[in-house]
Amino acid sequence: MARFVLWGTYCENALERRTPFRDQHLDRLDNLKKNGLLITLGPTSCNTHVFGIFEAKSIDIVQKLVQEDVYWKEKIWTNFKIYPWTQAF
């Protein structure tokens, strides 16, 4: 398994727009974490960017996980990039 870093952006008014989808989003993240695919994920304190760390066999799996998220489908997240990551510490 490899680790991957996610960096993405939120839409304008993300706090309001995410409200109807938040429980679904958080439940899914909880399941991903329990299954060992998600290490951590969350917004920057200014709520303009999302950061996450995933553990998966390939970058394609992580990309699919992000694209299946309700925040992506509902355009709460507007853009994302995934990078292979080497944890030094």
C-alpha atoms as a PDB file:
ATOM      1  CA  MET A   1       0.000   0.000   0.000  1.00  0.00           C
ATOM      2  CA  ALA A   2       1.145   3.514  -0.769  1.00  0.00           C
ATOM      3  CA  ARG A   3       0.167   6.857   0.682  1.00  0.00           C
ATOM      4  CA  PHE A   4      -1.244   9.737  -1.302  1.00  0.00           C
ATOM      5  CA  VAL A   5      -1.867  13.400  -0.489  1.00  0.00           C
ATOM      6  CA  LEU A   6      -4.985  15.176  -1.723  1.00  0.00           C
ATOM      7  CA  TRP A   7      -5.140  18.953  -2.193  1.00  0.00           C
ATOM      8  CA  GLY A   8      -8.333  20.516  -3.473  1.00  0.00           C
ATOM      9  CA  THR A   9     -10.497  23.594  -3.448  1.00  0.00           C
ATOM     10  CA  TYR A  10     -13.975  24.366  -2.181  1.00  0.00           C
ATOM     11  CA  CYS A  11     -16.664  26.331  -3.980  1.00  0.00           C
ATOM     12  CA  GLU A  12     -17.792  29.745  -2.804  1.00  0.00           C
ATOM     13  CA  ASN A  13     -20.212  29.566   0.119  1.00  0.00           C
ATOM     14  CA  ALA A  14     -19.062  26.003   0.805  1.00  0.00           C
ATOM     15  CA  LEU A  15     -20.253  26.045   4.419  1.00  0.00           C
ATOM     16  CA  GLU A  16     -23.829  26.712   3.349  1.00  0.00           C
ATOM     17  CA  ARG A  17     -23.773  24.541   0.231  1.00  0.00           C
ATOM     18  CA  ARG A  18     -22.397  21.475   2.009  1.00  0.00           C
ATOM     19  CA  THR A  19     -25.092  21.440   4.722  1.00  0.00           C
ATOM     20  CA  PRO A  20     -27.575  19.060   3.032  1.00  0.00           C
ATOM     21  CA  PHE A  21     -24.782  16.604   2.180  1.00  0.00           C
ATOM     22  CA  ARG A  22     -22.610  16.812   5.297  1.00  0.00           C
ATOM     23  CA  ASP A  23     -23.914  13.740   7.147  1.00  0.00           C
ATOM     24  CA  GLN A  24     -23.625  11.574   4.042  1.00  0.00           C
ATOM     25  CA  HIS A  25     -20.092  12.882   3.446  1.00  0.00           C
ATOM     26  CA  LEU A  26     -18.950  12.304   7.032  1.00  0.00           C
ATOM     27  CA  ASP A  27     -20.476   8.816   7.206  1.00  0.00           C
ATOM     28  CA  ARG A  28     -18.609   7.848   4.053  1.00  0.00           C
ATOM     29  CA  LEU A  29     -15.331   9.251   5.385  1.00  0.00           C
ATOM     30  CA  ASP A  30     -15.846   7.265   8.589  1.00  0.00           C
ATOM     31  CA  ASN A  31     -16.254   4.080   6.546  1.00  0.00           C
ATOM     32  CA  LEU A  32     -13.158   4.835   4.472  1.00  0.00           C
ATOM     33  CA  LYS A  33     -11.181   5.403   7.663  1.00  0.00           C
ATOM     34  CA  LYS A  34     -12.454   2.165   9.243  1.00  0.00           C
ATOM     35  CA  ASN A  35     -11.438   0.295   6.068  1.00  0.00           C
ATOM     36  CA  GLY A  36      -7.912   1.738   6.213  1.00  0.00           C
ATOM     37  CA  LEU A  37      -8.174   3.806   3.036  1.00  0.00           C
ATOM     38  CA  LEU A  38      -8.367   7.230   4.669  1.00  0.00           C
ATOM     39  CA  ILE A  39      -5.811   8.507   7.153  1.00  0.00           C
ATOM     40  CA  THR A  40      -7.191  12.039   7.525  1.00  0.00           C
ATOM     41  CA  LEU A  41      -9.183  14.623   5.576  1.00  0.00           C
ATOM     42  CA  GLY A  42     -10.513  18.091   6.276  1.00  0.00           C
ATOM     43  CA  PRO A  43     -10.726  21.734   5.285  1.00  0.00           C
ATOM     44  CA  THR A  44      -8.207  24.464   5.888  1.00  0.00           C
ATOM     45  CA  SER A  45      -9.333  26.845   8.623  1.00  0.00           C
ATOM     46  CA  CYS A  46     -10.367  29.410   5.987  1.00  0.00           C
ATOM     47  CA  ASN A  47     -12.590  26.756   4.325  1.00  0.00           C
ATOM     48  CA  THR A  48     -11.107  27.336   0.874  1.00  0.00           C
ATOM     49  CA  HIS A  49      -9.038  24.149   0.507  1.00  0.00           C
ATOM     50  CA  VAL A  50      -9.332  20.485   1.413  1.00  0.00           C
ATOM     51  CA  PHE A  51      -6.376  18.331   2.462  1.00  0.00           C
ATOM     52  CA  GLY A  52      -6.320  14.591   2.866  1.00  0.00           C
ATOM     53  CA  ILE A  53      -4.054  11.581   3.201  1.00  0.00           C
ATOM     54  CA  PHE A  54      -5.123   8.247   1.752  1.00  0.00           C
ATOM     55  CA  GLU A  55      -3.555   4.799   1.752  1.00  0.00           C
ATOM     56  CA  ALA A  56      -4.281   2.663  -1.313  1.00  0.00           C
ATOM     57  CA  LYS A  57      -2.734   0.400  -3.926  1.00  0.00           C
ATOM     58  CA  SER A  58      -2.774   3.098  -6.610  1.00  0.00           C
ATOM     59  CA  ILE A  59      -3.456   6.735  -7.336  1.00  0.00           C
ATOM     60  CA  ASP A  60      -6.354   5.614  -9.551  1.00  0.00           C
ATOM     61  CA  ILE A  61      -8.136   4.147  -6.525  1.00  0.00           C
ATOM     62  CA  VAL A  62      -7.773   7.416  -4.620  1.00  0.00           C
ATOM     63  CA  GLN A  63      -9.024   9.415  -7.601  1.00  0.00           C
ATOM     64  CA  LYS A  64     -12.084   7.172  -7.824  1.00  0.00           C
ATOM     65  CA  LEU A  65     -12.737   7.535  -4.082  1.00  0.00           C
ATOM     66  CA  VAL A  66     -12.671  11.323  -4.386  1.00  0.00           C
ATOM     67  CA  GLN A  67     -14.897  11.363  -7.462  1.00  0.00           C
ATOM     68  CA  GLU A  68     -17.450   9.144  -5.697  1.00  0.00           C
ATOM     69  CA  ASP A  69     -17.750  11.569  -2.776  1.00  0.00           C
ATOM     70  CA  VAL A  70     -20.949  13.600  -2.574  1.00  0.00           C
ATOM     71  CA  TYR A  71     -18.912  16.801  -2.150  1.00  0.00           C
ATOM     72  CA  TRP A  72     -17.353  16.212  -5.568  1.00  0.00           C
ATOM     73  CA  LYS A  73     -20.624  15.159  -7.184  1.00  0.00           C
ATOM     74  CA  GLU A  74     -22.424  18.223  -5.812  1.00  0.00           C
ATOM     75  CA  LYS A  75     -19.537  20.551  -6.755  1.00  0.00           C
ATOM     76  CA  ILE A  76     -18.707  21.482  -3.169  1.00  0.00           C
ATOM     77  CA  TRP A  77     -15.150  20.505  -4.072  1.00  0.00           C
ATOM     78  CA  THR A  78     -14.273  22.283  -7.296  1.00  0.00           C
ATOM     79  CA  ASN A  79     -10.831  20.908  -8.068  1.00  0.00           C
ATOM     80  CA  PHE A  80      -8.368  18.405  -6.676  1.00  0.00           C
ATOM     81  CA  LYS A  81      -4.918  16.977  -7.257  1.00  0.00           C
ATOM     82  CA  ILE A  82      -3.492  13.800  -5.814  1.00  0.00           C
ATOM     83  CA  TYR A  83       0.213  13.259  -5.224  1.00  0.00           C
ATOM     84  CA  PRO A  84       2.140  10.146  -4.229  1.00  0.00           C
ATOM     85  CA  TRP A  85       3.620  10.828  -0.805  1.00  0.00           C
ATOM     86  CA  THR A  86       6.625   9.498   1.029  1.00  0.00           C
ATOM     87  CA  GLN A  87       6.224   9.876   4.770  1.00  0.00           C
ATOM     88  CA  ALA A  88       9.590  10.794   6.256  1.00  0.00           C
ATOM     89  CA  PHE A  89       8.518  10.732   9.912  1.00  0.00           C
END
